[in-house]
Protein backbone atom coordinates (compact mmCIF):
# COMPACT_ATOMS: atom_id res chain seq x y z
CA UNK A 1 -11.01 5.95 23.86
CA UNK A 2 -9.83 5.61 27.47
CA UNK A 3 -9.59 2.07 28.85
CA UNK A 4 -8.64 0.95 32.35
CA UNK A 5 -7.55 -2.23 34.12
CA UNK A 6 -10.46 -4.64 34.41
CA UNK A 7 -11.73 -7.44 36.59
CA UNK A 8 -11.75 -10.95 35.06
CA UNK A 9 -13.36 -11.42 31.65
CA UNK A 10 -16.34 -13.77 31.79
CA UNK A 11 -19.10 -15.11 29.56
CA UNK A 12 -19.29 -16.00 25.90
CA UNK A 13 -19.02 -14.00 22.70
CA UNK A 14 -19.85 -14.54 19.05
CA UNK A 15 -17.09 -13.07 16.89
CA UNK A 16 -18.07 -11.14 13.70
CA UNK A 17 -17.59 -12.88 10.37
CA UNK A 18 -14.19 -13.47 8.85
CA UNK A 19 -13.06 -10.47 6.81
CA UNK A 20 -11.16 -12.45 4.18
CA UNK A 21 -14.05 -14.83 3.57
CA UNK A 22 -16.61 -12.00 3.51
CA UNK A 23 -14.64 -10.16 0.79
CA UNK A 24 -14.36 -13.28 -1.33
CA UNK A 25 -18.00 -14.28 -0.93
CA UNK A 26 -19.04 -11.04 -2.66
CA UNK A 27 -16.36 -11.21 -5.35
CA UNK A 28 -16.92 -14.83 -6.29
CA UNK A 29 -20.68 -14.50 -5.95
CA UNK A 30 -20.60 -11.60 -8.43
CA UNK A 31 -18.71 -13.76 -10.97
CA UNK A 32 -21.03 -16.73 -10.53
CA UNK A 33 -24.31 -17.47 -12.26
CA UNK A 34 -27.26 -17.18 -9.89
CA UNK A 35 -27.63 -15.88 -6.36
CA UNK A 36 -25.09 -16.33 -3.58
CA UNK A 37 -26.49 -16.09 -0.05
CA UNK A 38 -24.05 -15.05 2.66
CA UNK A 39 -24.78 -15.21 6.39
CA UNK A 40 -22.65 -13.72 9.19
CA UNK A 41 -21.11 -11.32 6.66
CA UNK A 42 -18.70 -8.84 8.21
CA UNK A 43 -20.20 -5.35 7.99
CA UNK A 44 -16.87 -3.59 8.54
CA UNK A 45 -15.90 -0.71 6.28
CA UNK A 46 -13.43 -2.81 4.27
CA UNK A 47 -16.02 -5.38 3.20
CA UNK A 48 -18.58 -2.68 2.46
CA UNK A 49 -16.02 -1.16 0.07
CA UNK A 50 -16.01 -4.43 -1.87
CA UNK A 51 -19.80 -4.40 -2.07
CA UNK A 52 -19.72 -0.79 -3.31
CA UNK A 53 -17.20 -1.58 -6.06
CA UNK A 54 -19.25 -4.46 -7.44
CA UNK A 55 -22.44 -2.44 -7.32
CA UNK A 56 -20.66 0.13 -9.49
CA UNK A 57 -20.04 -2.65 -11.99
CA UNK A 58 -23.70 -3.58 -12.28
CA UNK A 59 -24.03 -6.33 -9.66
CA UNK A 60 -27.20 -6.23 -7.58
CA UNK A 61 -26.31 -6.84 -3.94
CA UNK A 62 -28.89 -6.83 -1.16
CA UNK A 63 -27.69 -6.39 2.39
CA UNK A 64 -29.61 -6.50 5.64
CA UNK A 65 -27.25 -6.43 8.61
CA UNK A 66 -25.05 -9.53 8.28
CA UNK A 67 -27.21 -11.21 5.62
CA UNK A 68 -26.16 -10.56 2.02
CA UNK A 69 -27.56 -11.67 -1.33
CA UNK A 70 -25.27 -11.33 -4.34
CA UNK A 71 -27.05 -11.68 -7.67
CA UNK A 72 -24.21 -12.82 -9.88
CA UNK A 73 -24.02 -12.31 -13.63
CA UNK A 74 -21.38 -14.85 -14.51
CA UNK A 75 -17.69 -14.56 -15.27
CA UNK A 76 -18.24 -12.00 -18.05
CA UNK A 77 -21.19 -10.15 -16.57
CA UNK A 78 -19.47 -7.10 -15.10
CA UNK A 79 -19.90 -3.75 -16.81
CA UNK A 80 -17.58 -0.78 -16.95
CA UNK A 81 -17.89 1.47 -13.89
CA UNK A 82 -18.83 5.05 -14.61
CA UNK A 83 -16.58 6.36 -11.83
CA UNK A 84 -13.27 5.49 -10.17
CA UNK A 85 -13.62 2.42 -7.95
CA UNK A 86 -12.91 3.31 -4.32
CA UNK A 87 -11.55 0.52 -2.11
CA UNK A 88 -11.40 2.71 0.98
CA UNK A 89 -8.85 1.25 3.39
CA UNK A 90 -9.02 -2.27 1.96
CA UNK A 91 -5.86 -3.73 0.48
CA UNK A 92 -7.75 -6.96 -0.18
CA UNK A 93 -10.26 -5.10 -2.36
CA UNK A 94 -7.57 -3.35 -4.42
CA UNK A 95 -5.36 -6.37 -4.99
CA UNK A 96 -7.98 -9.06 -5.62
CA UNK A 97 -10.22 -6.85 -7.70
CA UNK A 98 -7.24 -5.80 -9.84
CA UNK A 99 -6.85 -9.41 -10.91
CA UNK A 100 -10.50 -9.52 -11.98
CA UNK A 101 -10.38 -6.13 -13.73
CA UNK A 102 -7.27 -7.09 -15.69
CA UNK A 103 -9.25 -9.64 -17.69
CA UNK A 104 -12.34 -7.55 -18.48
CA UNK A 105 -13.29 -6.03 -21.82
CA UNK A 106 -13.35 -2.53 -20.33
CA UNK A 107 -10.99 -0.05 -18.67
CA UNK A 108 -11.12 1.01 -15.04
CA UNK A 109 -9.32 2.89 -12.30
CA UNK A 110 -9.18 1.67 -8.71
CA UNK A 111 -7.90 3.62 -5.71
CA UNK A 112 -8.39 3.94 -1.97
CA UNK A 113 -7.74 6.22 0.96
CA UNK A 114 -4.40 7.86 1.82
CA UNK A 115 -3.14 4.70 3.50
CA UNK A 116 -3.96 2.49 0.53
CA UNK A 117 -2.23 4.94 -1.79
CA UNK A 118 1.04 4.23 0.07
CA UNK A 119 0.85 0.44 0.04
CA UNK A 120 2.95 -1.50 -2.51
CA UNK A 121 1.12 -2.68 -5.62
CA UNK A 122 4.10 -3.73 -7.75
CA UNK A 123 3.76 -7.13 -6.12
CA UNK A 124 0.59 -7.66 -8.18
CA UNK A 125 1.51 -5.47 -11.16
CA UNK A 126 4.57 -7.62 -11.97
CA UNK A 127 2.81 -11.01 -12.24
CA UNK A 128 -0.20 -9.48 -13.98
CA UNK A 129 2.10 -7.90 -16.57
CA UNK A 130 3.61 -11.33 -17.15
CA UNK A 131 0.12 -12.57 -18.02
CA UNK A 132 -0.27 -9.80 -20.58
CA UNK A 133 -2.22 -7.41 -18.37
CA UNK A 134 -1.98 -3.65 -18.71
CA UNK A 135 -1.90 -2.24 -15.16
CA UNK A 136 -0.10 1.00 -14.40
CA UNK A 137 0.36 3.14 -11.33
CA UNK A 138 -1.21 6.50 -12.14
CA UNK A 139 1.44 8.39 -10.16
CA UNK A 140 4.27 6.12 -11.29
CA UNK A 141 5.19 5.17 -7.72
CA UNK A 142 4.02 1.55 -7.74
CA UNK A 143 0.97 2.37 -5.62
CA UNK A 144 -2.72 3.11 -6.18
CA UNK A 145 -4.48 4.64 -8.00
CA UNK A 146 -4.14 1.88 -10.60
CA UNK A 147 -5.20 2.35 -14.23
CA UNK A 148 -6.29 -1.00 -15.65
CA UNK A 149 -6.87 -1.56 -19.37
CA UNK A 150 -8.77 -4.83 -19.53
CA UNK A 151 -7.56 -7.33 -22.13
CA UNK A 152 -7.21 -11.02 -22.91
CA UNK A 153 -4.74 -12.68 -20.57
CA UNK A 154 -2.31 -15.56 -20.93
CA UNK A 155 -1.91 -18.45 -18.51
CA UNK A 156 1.41 -18.35 -16.65
CA UNK A 157 3.31 -19.69 -13.67
CA UNK A 158 4.53 -17.22 -11.05
CA UNK A 159 7.16 -17.85 -8.40
CA UNK A 160 6.16 -15.40 -5.70
CA UNK A 161 8.93 -13.94 -3.52
CA UNK A 162 6.47 -13.55 -0.64
CA UNK A 163 3.81 -15.78 0.89
CA UNK A 164 0.84 -13.49 0.35
CA UNK A 165 -2.77 -14.57 0.03
CA UNK A 166 -3.58 -11.26 -1.67
CA UNK A 167 -0.92 -11.70 -4.34
CA UNK A 168 -1.82 -15.35 -4.89
CA UNK A 169 -5.54 -14.59 -5.06
CA UNK A 170 -5.02 -11.72 -7.51
CA UNK A 171 -3.16 -14.02 -9.88
CA UNK A 172 -5.69 -16.85 -9.56
CA UNK A 173 -8.59 -14.47 -10.25
CA UNK A 174 -6.80 -13.13 -13.31
CA UNK A 175 -6.26 -16.75 -14.30
CA UNK A 176 -10.02 -17.23 -14.58
CA UNK A 177 -9.81 -15.01 -17.69
CA UNK A 178 -6.59 -16.46 -19.15
CA UNK A 179 -6.11 -18.67 -22.22
CA UNK A 180 -4.50 -21.49 -20.23
CA UNK A 181 -3.74 -22.78 -16.76
CA UNK A 182 -2.37 -20.25 -14.27
CA UNK A 183 -0.33 -21.29 -11.23
CA UNK A 184 1.47 -19.68 -8.30
CA UNK A 185 4.25 -21.06 -6.10
CA UNK A 186 4.87 -19.46 -2.72
CA UNK A 187 7.87 -19.83 -0.38
CA UNK A 188 5.45 -20.76 2.41
CA UNK A 189 1.75 -21.50 2.63
CA UNK A 190 -0.44 -18.39 2.86
CA UNK A 191 -4.12 -18.42 3.78
CA UNK A 192 -6.09 -20.54 1.32
CA UNK A 193 -9.61 -19.07 1.41
CA UNK A 194 -9.54 -18.28 -2.31
CA UNK A 195 -8.65 -21.83 -3.27
CA UNK A 196 -11.31 -23.33 -1.03
CA UNK A 197 -14.05 -20.95 -2.15
CA UNK A 198 -13.22 -21.01 -5.86
CA UNK A 199 -13.43 -24.80 -5.75
CA UNK A 200 -16.72 -24.55 -3.82
CA UNK A 201 -18.15 -22.33 -6.57
CA UNK A 202 -17.10 -24.82 -9.24
CA UNK A 203 -13.64 -23.76 -10.43
CA UNK A 204 -10.96 -26.32 -11.26
CA UNK A 205 -8.36 -25.54 -8.59
CA UNK A 206 -5.45 -27.86 -7.83
CA UNK A 207 -2.97 -27.59 -4.99
CA UNK A 208 0.16 -29.53 -4.12
CA UNK A 209 3.75 -29.28 -3.09
CA UNK A 210 6.02 -28.13 -5.91
CA UNK A 211 3.72 -28.85 -8.82
CA UNK A 212 5.92 -26.51 -10.88
CA UNK A 213 4.80 -24.41 -13.80
CA UNK A 214 1.60 -25.32 -15.58
CA UNK A 215 2.18 -27.71 -18.48
CA UNK A 216 -0.69 -26.50 -20.66
CA UNK A 217 0.73 -25.60 -24.10
CA UNK A 218 -0.73 -22.11 -23.77
CA UNK A 219 0.74 -21.60 -20.28
CA UNK A 220 4.46 -21.95 -20.87
CA UNK A 221 5.36 -18.49 -19.61
CA UNK A 222 7.13 -18.63 -16.25
CA UNK A 223 7.54 -15.43 -14.25
CA UNK A 224 10.34 -15.81 -11.72
CA UNK A 225 11.81 -13.64 -9.01
CA UNK A 226 15.45 -13.78 -7.82
CA UNK A 227 14.31 -14.20 -4.21
CA UNK A 228 12.73 -17.52 -5.16
CA UNK A 229 15.91 -19.10 -6.48
CA UNK A 230 16.65 -22.51 -4.97
CA UNK A 231 13.48 -22.36 -2.88
CA UNK A 232 10.70 -24.89 -2.74
CA UNK A 233 7.18 -23.93 -1.95
CA UNK A 234 3.52 -24.56 -2.24
CA UNK A 235 1.84 -24.38 -5.65
CA UNK A 236 -1.78 -23.77 -6.59
CA UNK A 237 -3.23 -23.70 -10.10
CA UNK A 238 -6.55 -22.70 -11.66
CA UNK A 239 -8.03 -23.59 -15.06
CA UNK A 240 -9.55 -20.78 -17.14
CA UNK A 241 -13.17 -19.98 -17.94
CA UNK A 242 -14.87 -22.02 -15.20
CA UNK A 243 -18.63 -22.22 -14.81
CA UNK A 244 -19.16 -20.68 -11.37
CA UNK A 245 -22.51 -21.22 -9.64
CA UNK A 246 -24.00 -19.20 -6.78
CA UNK A 247 -23.72 -20.85 -3.37
CA UNK A 248 -24.76 -20.51 0.26
CA UNK A 249 -21.93 -19.34 2.50
CA UNK A 250 -21.96 -19.25 6.28
CA UNK A 251 -19.00 -17.11 7.29
CA UNK A 252 -17.20 -18.32 10.45
CA UNK A 253 -16.03 -15.89 13.10
CA UNK A 254 -12.77 -14.16 12.18
CA UNK A 255 -9.82 -15.62 14.09
CA UNK A 256 -7.99 -12.32 13.57
CA UNK A 257 -10.78 -10.58 15.52
CA UNK A 258 -11.01 -13.38 18.07
CA UNK A 259 -7.29 -12.91 18.73
CA UNK A 260 -7.88 -9.77 20.80
CA UNK A 261 -10.30 -11.53 23.12
CA UNK A 262 -8.05 -14.57 23.34
CA UNK A 263 -5.21 -12.29 24.42
CA UNK A 264 -7.38 -10.34 26.87
CA UNK A 265 -8.64 -13.50 28.56
CA UNK A 266 -5.12 -14.90 28.81
CA UNK A 267 -3.71 -11.72 30.37
CA UNK A 268 -6.37 -10.78 32.95
CA UNK A 269 -6.14 -13.10 35.98
CA UNK A 270 -9.22 -15.19 36.74
CA UNK A 271 -10.68 -14.84 33.22
CA UNK A 272 -12.64 -17.56 31.43
CA UNK A 273 -14.14 -16.69 28.08
CA UNK A 274 -15.93 -18.79 25.46
CA UNK A 275 -15.59 -17.56 21.88
CA UNK A 276 -18.23 -19.07 19.60
CA UNK A 277 -17.86 -20.38 16.05
CA UNK A 278 -14.33 -19.19 15.29
CA UNK A 279 -12.65 -20.16 12.02
CA UNK A 280 -9.69 -22.49 12.63
CA UNK A 281 -8.45 -22.90 9.06
CA UNK A 282 -4.92 -24.36 9.42
CA UNK A 283 -3.52 -21.58 7.21
CA UNK A 284 -4.83 -19.07 9.77
CA UNK A 285 -4.35 -20.79 13.16
CA UNK A 286 -0.77 -19.75 13.86
CA UNK A 287 -2.00 -17.50 16.69
CA UNK A 288 -3.38 -20.53 18.52
CA UNK A 289 -0.19 -22.53 18.02
CA UNK A 290 2.04 -19.74 19.32
CA UNK A 291 -0.24 -19.06 22.29
CA UNK A 292 -0.08 -22.72 23.29
CA UNK A 293 3.73 -22.62 23.01
CA UNK A 294 3.61 -19.65 25.39
CA UNK A 295 1.65 -21.77 27.90
CA UNK A 296 -1.86 -20.57 27.08
CA UNK A 297 -4.89 -22.53 28.25
CA UNK A 298 -7.05 -22.66 25.09
CA UNK A 299 -9.45 -25.55 24.52
CA UNK A 300 -11.30 -26.06 21.21
CA UNK A 301 -14.88 -27.30 21.63
CA UNK A 302 -17.58 -28.39 19.17
CA UNK A 303 -15.15 -28.61 16.26
CA UNK A 304 -16.89 -28.68 12.89
CA UNK A 305 -14.96 -29.76 9.80
CA UNK A 306 -18.01 -30.47 7.63
CA UNK A 307 -17.79 -27.30 5.53
CA UNK A 308 -15.07 -25.75 3.40
CA UNK A 309 -13.90 -23.74 6.40
CA UNK A 310 -13.37 -25.56 9.74
CA UNK A 311 -14.55 -23.81 12.88
CA UNK A 312 -14.82 -24.38 16.63
CA UNK A 313 -15.73 -22.74 19.90
CA UNK A 314 -12.64 -21.67 21.86
CA UNK A 315 -12.59 -21.78 25.67
CA UNK A 316 -9.84 -19.46 26.91
CA UNK A 317 -8.64 -19.25 30.53
CA UNK A 318 -6.12 -16.83 32.01
CA UNK A 319 -2.59 -18.23 31.90
CA UNK A 320 0.98 -17.52 32.98
CA UNK A 321 2.84 -16.95 29.72
CA UNK A 322 6.47 -17.49 28.75
CA UNK A 323 8.54 -16.00 25.95
CA UNK A 324 8.91 -17.77 22.58
CA UNK A 325 10.54 -17.28 19.19
CA UNK A 326 8.14 -16.58 16.32
CA UNK A 327 9.45 -16.94 12.78
CA UNK A 328 9.71 -19.05 9.65
CA UNK A 329 6.80 -20.68 7.88
CA UNK A 330 4.33 -19.90 10.68
CA UNK A 331 4.48 -16.15 9.94
CA UNK A 332 1.97 -16.15 7.02
CA UNK A 333 -0.54 -17.96 9.26
CA UNK A 334 -0.54 -15.17 11.87
CA UNK A 335 0.68 -12.04 10.09
CA UNK A 336 -2.37 -10.00 11.14
CA UNK A 337 -2.15 -11.28 14.71
CA UNK A 338 1.48 -10.26 15.29
CA UNK A 339 0.60 -6.89 16.89
CA UNK A 340 -1.51 -8.53 19.59
CA UNK A 341 1.05 -11.33 19.97
CA UNK A 342 3.59 -8.57 20.63
CA UNK A 343 1.31 -7.37 23.43
CA UNK A 344 1.22 -10.89 24.89
CA UNK A 345 5.01 -10.97 24.68
CA UNK A 346 5.20 -7.75 26.71
CA UNK A 347 3.56 -9.57 29.64
CA UNK A 348 5.25 -12.96 29.16
CA UNK A 349 8.31 -13.99 31.18
CA UNK A 350 11.52 -13.72 29.18
CA UNK A 351 12.50 -12.31 25.82
CA UNK A 352 10.34 -12.97 22.76
CA UNK A 353 11.89 -12.69 19.30
CA UNK A 354 9.69 -12.05 16.26
CA UNK A 355 11.50 -12.46 12.93
CA UNK A 356 10.77 -13.02 9.21
CA UNK A 357 7.91 -10.52 9.48
CA UNK A 358 9.12 -7.65 7.27
CA UNK A 359 5.64 -7.70 5.70
CA UNK A 360 4.47 -5.81 8.80
CA UNK A 361 6.25 -2.72 7.53
CA UNK A 362 3.88 -2.37 4.56
CA UNK A 363 0.53 -2.90 6.26
CA UNK A 364 -1.92 -0.12 7.17
CA UNK A 365 1.00 1.31 9.12
CA UNK A 366 4.60 0.26 9.64
CA UNK A 367 3.49 -2.12 12.36
CA UNK A 368 7.01 -2.93 13.51
CA UNK A 369 7.84 0.72 14.14
CA UNK A 370 4.42 1.59 15.57
CA UNK A 371 4.28 -1.39 17.93
CA UNK A 372 7.82 -0.68 19.16
CA UNK A 373 6.97 2.98 19.71
CA UNK A 374 3.82 2.24 21.69
CA UNK A 375 5.20 -0.70 23.69
CA UNK A 376 8.00 1.62 24.82
CA UNK A 377 5.40 4.16 25.93
CA UNK A 378 3.82 1.64 28.31
CA UNK A 379 7.21 0.71 29.80
CA UNK A 380 8.11 -2.43 27.83
CA UNK A 381 11.73 -2.84 26.69
CA UNK A 382 11.53 -3.47 22.94
CA UNK A 383 13.90 -3.35 20.00
CA UNK A 384 12.59 -2.98 16.46
CA UNK A 385 14.54 -5.00 13.90
CA UNK A 386 14.38 -4.98 10.12
CA UNK A 387 11.95 -7.90 10.06
CA UNK A 388 10.47 -8.03 13.55
CA UNK A 389 10.92 -7.17 17.21
CA UNK A 390 12.79 -8.27 20.32
CA UNK A 391 10.48 -7.85 23.32
CA UNK A 392 11.50 -8.29 26.94
CA UNK A 393 8.42 -9.05 28.99
CA UNK A 394 7.34 -9.92 32.49
CA UNK A 395 7.56 -6.57 34.26
CA UNK A 396 4.66 -4.32 35.38
CA UNK A 397 3.45 -2.00 32.64
CA UNK A 398 1.48 1.23 32.80
CA UNK A 399 -1.08 3.11 30.76
CA UNK A 400 -0.04 5.80 28.30
CA UNK A 401 -1.26 7.86 25.38
CA UNK A 402 -1.17 5.52 22.37
CA UNK A 403 -1.03 6.71 18.76
CA UNK A 404 -2.82 4.10 16.64
CA UNK A 405 -1.51 5.71 13.43
CA UNK A 406 -5.05 5.01 12.20
CA UNK A 407 -4.33 1.28 12.11
CA UNK A 408 -7.22 -0.84 13.39
CA UNK A 409 -5.02 -3.68 14.61
CA UNK A 410 -2.80 -1.32 16.60
CA UNK A 411 -5.83 0.25 18.30
CA UNK A 412 -7.34 -3.13 19.27
CA UNK A 413 -4.01 -4.50 20.45
CA UNK A 414 -3.50 -1.67 22.92
CA UNK A 415 -7.11 -1.87 24.07
CA UNK A 416 -6.16 -5.39 25.16
CA UNK A 417 -2.92 -4.20 26.74
CA UNK A 418 -4.90 -1.64 28.75
CA UNK A 419 -6.75 -4.40 30.58
CA UNK A 420 -3.51 -5.64 32.13
CA UNK A 421 -1.73 -2.29 32.64
CA UNK A 422 -1.79 0.00 35.65
CA UNK A 423 -3.63 3.24 35.07
CA UNK A 424 -5.48 4.49 32.02
CA UNK A 425 -4.73 3.85 28.35
CA UNK A 426 -5.71 6.69 26.02
CA UNK A 427 -5.96 5.34 22.47
CA UNK A 428 -5.95 8.04 19.82
CA UNK A 429 -7.69 7.21 16.56
CA UNK A 430 -9.62 4.48 18.37
CA UNK A 431 -12.55 4.66 15.95
CA UNK A 432 -10.44 3.10 13.18
CA UNK A 433 -11.45 -0.34 14.53
CA UNK A 434 -14.62 0.00 12.41
CA UNK A 435 -12.47 -1.00 9.44
CA UNK A 436 -12.58 -4.64 10.56
CA UNK A 437 -14.59 -4.89 13.79
CA UNK A 438 -17.57 -2.58 14.23
CA UNK A 439 -18.76 -2.92 17.82
CA UNK A 440 -15.35 -4.01 19.14
CA UNK A 441 -15.50 -1.76 22.19
CA UNK A 442 -19.09 -2.79 22.93
CA UNK A 443 -18.10 -6.45 22.84
CA UNK A 444 -15.12 -5.72 25.06
CA UNK A 445 -17.38 -3.97 27.57
CA UNK A 446 -19.82 -6.89 27.48
CA UNK A 447 -17.23 -9.38 28.74
CA UNK A 448 -15.54 -6.97 31.16
CA UNK A 449 -17.05 -5.65 34.36
CA UNK A 450 -15.39 -2.28 33.93
CA UNK A 451 -14.03 -0.75 30.74
C-alpha cells in the first residue's frame, strides 16, 4: 500500500464496532440461556475466529454483516470440539477462551497462527493452575498450542503482576466454573468490558479498591506474585455458577480504531473530522487524555451514558502538538494506541517519553522495536528503551518503505504518518489491517481528497 501526503481530512465517519466488546458478546452470549443479539459487531478476522471456535463447540451463531445472533446453551452447554480450536491472530480469543475451557467437562487444544504461538501464555497458565486447572503448553515453551484438560475449579484470589484485561478476564471466566468466589487484583485498572458485560448478563460481579482475597470458605487460596509485593491495586470478584441470560448488545465504535483518524485529523493542517458513536469507556480513554495534554482540539458531542458502555461523537480539528510524558497508571488505558501516539509524538514539538509500556514487546510484534525502526526510517530521532521510547519530534519527516512486521497497528499507524510526511510511504504487509479494521483504507480514502 502506497500512501501520499493529503489535503485536509473532512466529513464524518462511523467507526467499526469495538473489538474487545465484540469478542465478549459472542463468548458471554454462548454461555447464556437464550439468544443474544449483537449489532455493529466487528467483522475483523480476530472476532470471526471467536465465532468459529464457539461454532466448533456446538453453539449456533448467525451472522449477516455486522448483525449477529448467538443462540446460547447456558454455562454448561458447550460440547467437546472435534478438532483443534484455531484462534487465528487473536490473543483475546486464546486467553479468554482458555479460562472457559479450563472449567469444562471435556478436553481441548487451542492454538493460533505463528504470531500467537510466540505470545506469552504463562500469564494465564499460572493463575489457572492455582485454581486447579490443567493447562499445559504443548511445546513446553509457555506459548500456544495449549492442551486443556477440563476439570472442576476452585475459587481463588490472584494478585496479577500486570494490568491486563485478558489475564483478568481469563480468571473471571474460569471463576464462573469454580466452587467459590474468584477475585483478581491488578496494579492498575485495565479495561473493564468483561466486568460490565458479565454483570449485564446477570453474573454477580463486584469491584472495588483493595477488596483483598475472597472470604468465601471455599476460596481461601491466594495466588501471589513477587512483583505485587507492597502494591495496592484494583480488585474485581465474581461468584460461581451464575444464571446468564441472553441480551441485546449494541457495540460502540472502537476507540482503538478511531485513534488513527483522530491522529490523522490532528496532524493534517485544516482538517475537521467528526467520528460517530465512539466508545469512551474511562478504562479505554487514555488516548483522548494524552492528546488533550499534547494540545489537541477534540470535542465530545452527544455523549450517551445510558448503557453499560458510554459513547460519544468526537469532533477533531487539526492542532499544533507539543511533547508529553506518557507513563504510569494511564498505560493500560491506551496500550493499543501507543503506536499511533508515537507517530503523533514524531510530529509534536519537543521530546516525548513513553515509559512503563514493556507490554508492547509481547504484542503481535515487539512494538517498541518495530516503531523505533520505522520512525527512524522516516527521519525521526528515536531511542528504544526497555519499557518504551524517547521520541524527538517537530522536524519535517519523509516517506519510506515501512515493514509492518504483519502487525495491524503498525500498518495503520504509518498510514497516518504518511498523510503528514513528504513523499510516498510504502507499507509492506498492509493487508494485515483486516485483523481489526476491514475497510480501513477505504475509510481513510473517504475522508481524504487524495490517498
